[in-house]
Amino acid sequence: MSGREAVAEDAAGILDRAAARGIAGGVPYAGLVTPDEAWRLHRAGAAAIIDVRTRPEYEYVGRVPDSILVEWRRYDEARPNPDFVDELAARFHRGATLLFLCRSAVRSHHAAAAAAGAGFGLAFNVLEGFEGERDALGQRGVLGGWRNAGLPWIQD
């Protein structure tokens, strides 16, 4: 098996497991990927990571290298970005594999659902988000999440 075939097989396996998690979780989109799976898909060129946090979070808290910012809710706004789907459609075709990431996997859940509802059939949510859940002290960064998993990230 060539390296390219192995990558394709790995990506297919990840997406199959993600789809099974999505079915088990009853989500209205293609499935649920772990942070490690998201990085492997992204690194292999099999998926794009769409960061749906606010621009300040993306720029100052940190971000995944080569991720694309499409804000689900803009900073200091109570409602979702009304142009969210249009912004996605301007960058990606509806058959693209898109992995939605936010701070804790809540906004990305809604973003993936909106994308799926707009015809993006391969919309996945990245479990745990970038920072993970809050610990007993109410702080993020130690209970799950992209950064806690030791995956690559950058910060301005």
Protein backbone atom coordinates (compact mmCIF):
# COMPACT_ATOMS: atom_id res chain seq x y z
CA MET A 1 0.00 0.00 0.00
CA SER A 2 1.38 3.42 -0.94
CA GLY A 3 1.61 6.30 1.49
CA ARG A 4 -1.24 8.07 -0.28
CA GLU A 5 -3.44 4.95 -0.06
CA ALA A 6 -2.66 4.61 3.66
CA VAL A 7 -3.65 8.24 4.25
CA ALA A 8 -6.90 7.75 2.33
CA GLU A 9 -7.67 4.59 4.31
CA ASP A 10 -6.90 6.37 7.60
CA ALA A 11 -9.12 9.32 6.62
CA ALA A 12 -11.96 7.00 5.60
CA GLY A 13 -11.70 5.15 8.92
CA ILE A 14 -11.75 8.39 10.89
CA LEU A 15 -14.79 9.66 9.01
CA ASP A 16 -16.59 6.33 9.49
CA ARG A 17 -15.97 6.44 13.26
CA ALA A 18 -17.04 10.10 13.34
CA ALA A 19 -20.26 9.27 11.51
CA ALA A 20 -21.00 6.46 13.97
CA ARG A 21 -20.48 8.87 16.90
CA GLY A 22 -22.79 11.34 15.22
CA ILE A 23 -25.52 8.73 14.81
CA ALA A 24 -25.12 7.65 18.44
CA GLY A 25 -25.25 11.29 19.53
CA GLY A 26 -28.23 12.12 17.32
CA VAL A 27 -26.55 15.14 15.72
CA PRO A 28 -28.03 16.74 12.58
CA TYR A 29 -24.73 16.76 10.68
CA ALA A 30 -22.20 14.20 9.40
CA GLY A 31 -20.52 13.36 12.71
CA LEU A 32 -18.17 14.06 15.59
CA VAL A 33 -14.36 14.01 15.44
CA THR A 34 -11.88 14.13 18.28
CA PRO A 35 -9.21 16.84 18.24
CA ASP A 36 -6.56 14.26 17.28
CA GLU A 37 -8.70 12.94 14.41
CA ALA A 38 -9.36 16.50 13.22
CA TRP A 39 -5.63 17.22 13.13
CA ARG A 40 -4.89 13.99 11.25
CA LEU A 41 -7.57 14.77 8.65
CA HIS A 42 -6.39 18.35 8.29
CA ARG A 43 -2.71 17.43 8.07
CA ALA A 44 -3.52 14.82 5.39
CA GLY A 45 -5.39 17.41 3.34
CA ALA A 46 -8.62 15.45 3.75
CA ALA A 47 -10.54 18.23 5.55
CA ALA A 48 -10.51 21.93 6.37
CA ILE A 49 -10.75 23.19 9.94
CA ILE A 50 -13.24 26.03 10.26
CA ASP A 51 -12.77 28.02 13.47
CA VAL A 52 -16.10 29.58 14.40
CA ARG A 53 -14.96 31.56 17.44
CA THR A 54 -14.80 35.34 17.43
CA ARG A 55 -11.91 37.09 15.72
CA PRO A 56 -10.40 38.15 19.12
CA GLU A 57 -10.45 34.53 20.35
CA TYR A 58 -8.89 33.35 17.10
CA GLU A 59 -6.16 35.99 17.14
CA TYR A 60 -5.33 36.22 20.84
CA VAL A 61 -6.27 32.92 22.52
CA GLY A 62 -4.67 30.86 19.76
CA ARG A 63 -5.65 28.89 16.70
CA VAL A 64 -4.91 25.79 14.70
CA PRO A 65 -2.33 26.39 11.95
CA ASP A 66 -4.00 26.89 8.55
CA SER A 67 -7.49 26.94 10.06
CA ILE A 68 -10.05 29.26 8.47
CA LEU A 69 -11.96 31.78 10.56
CA VAL A 70 -15.68 32.04 9.82
CA GLU A 71 -17.28 33.57 12.91
CA TRP A 72 -20.47 31.91 14.10
CA ARG A 73 -21.19 34.91 16.29
CA ARG A 74 -19.19 38.09 15.99
CA TYR A 75 -17.63 39.66 19.05
CA ASP A 76 -20.16 41.43 21.28
CA GLU A 77 -23.17 40.27 19.23
CA ALA A 78 -25.96 38.20 20.71
CA ARG A 79 -27.17 36.60 17.50
CA PRO A 80 -25.39 34.28 15.08
CA ASN A 81 -23.65 35.81 12.10
CA PRO A 82 -26.40 36.18 9.45
CA ASP A 83 -23.78 35.74 6.70
CA PHE A 84 -22.28 32.56 8.13
CA VAL A 85 -23.52 30.17 5.42
CA ASP A 86 -22.75 32.67 2.64
CA GLU A 87 -19.19 33.07 3.97
CA LEU A 88 -18.75 29.29 3.98
CA ALA A 89 -20.16 28.99 0.47
CA ALA A 90 -17.76 31.66 -0.78
CA ARG A 91 -14.79 29.54 0.35
CA PHE A 92 -15.92 25.91 0.07
CA HIS A 93 -18.01 23.75 -2.20
CA ARG A 94 -20.86 21.89 -0.56
CA GLY A 95 -19.06 18.55 -0.92
CA ALA A 96 -16.00 19.66 1.09
CA THR A 97 -15.21 17.93 4.37
CA LEU A 98 -15.44 20.68 7.00
CA LEU A 99 -14.45 20.34 10.65
CA PHE A 100 -16.00 23.02 12.87
CA LEU A 101 -14.07 24.11 15.96
CA CYS A 102 -14.88 26.57 18.75
CA ARG A 103 -13.87 27.00 22.39
CA SER A 104 -15.79 24.04 23.87
CA ALA A 105 -17.74 22.40 20.98
CA VAL A 106 -21.00 24.28 21.59
CA ARG A 107 -20.87 27.01 18.93
CA SER A 108 -19.28 24.56 16.53
CA HIS A 109 -22.24 22.20 17.07
CA HIS A 110 -24.62 24.95 15.94
CA ALA A 111 -22.34 25.96 13.07
CA ALA A 112 -22.10 22.36 11.81
CA ALA A 113 -25.90 22.04 12.03
CA ALA A 114 -26.38 25.27 10.07
CA ALA A 115 -23.86 24.14 7.46
CA ALA A 116 -25.54 20.75 7.09
CA GLY A 117 -28.92 22.45 6.80
CA ALA A 118 -27.50 24.55 3.95
CA GLY A 119 -26.34 21.49 2.02
CA PHE A 120 -22.80 20.98 3.34
CA GLY A 121 -23.15 17.23 3.71
CA LEU A 122 -19.74 16.59 5.25
CA ALA A 123 -19.94 18.96 8.22
CA PHE A 124 -18.38 17.61 11.42
CA ASN A 125 -18.05 19.02 14.92
CA VAL A 126 -14.68 18.82 16.69
CA LEU A 127 -15.38 17.43 20.16
CA GLU A 128 -14.01 19.26 23.22
CA GLY A 129 -13.21 22.40 21.24
CA PHE A 130 -10.00 24.39 21.39
CA GLU A 131 -9.95 24.94 25.16
CA GLY A 132 -12.09 22.10 26.55
CA GLU A 133 -14.53 22.11 29.44
CA ARG A 134 -14.21 24.13 32.64
CA ASP A 135 -12.51 22.51 35.60
CA ALA A 136 -13.63 22.72 39.25
CA LEU A 137 -12.20 26.25 39.42
CA GLY A 138 -14.12 27.34 36.33
CA GLN A 139 -11.00 27.50 34.16
CA ARG A 140 -10.51 26.01 30.72
CA GLY A 141 -7.46 24.37 29.22
CA VAL A 142 -7.00 21.36 31.49
CA LEU A 143 -10.08 19.21 30.78
CA GLY A 144 -9.91 18.12 27.17
CA GLY A 145 -9.62 20.32 24.14
CA TRP A 146 -7.17 20.88 21.33
CA ARG A 147 -4.46 22.62 23.35
CA ASN A 148 -4.64 20.15 26.24
CA ALA A 149 -4.20 17.28 23.75
CA GLY A 150 -0.84 18.77 22.81
CA LEU A 151 -1.81 19.36 19.21
CA PRO A 152 -0.19 22.17 17.16
CA TRP A 153 -1.47 25.68 17.68
CA ILE A 154 -0.21 29.21 17.24
CA GLN A 155 -0.89 32.51 18.95
CA ASP A 156 -0.38 36.14 17.92
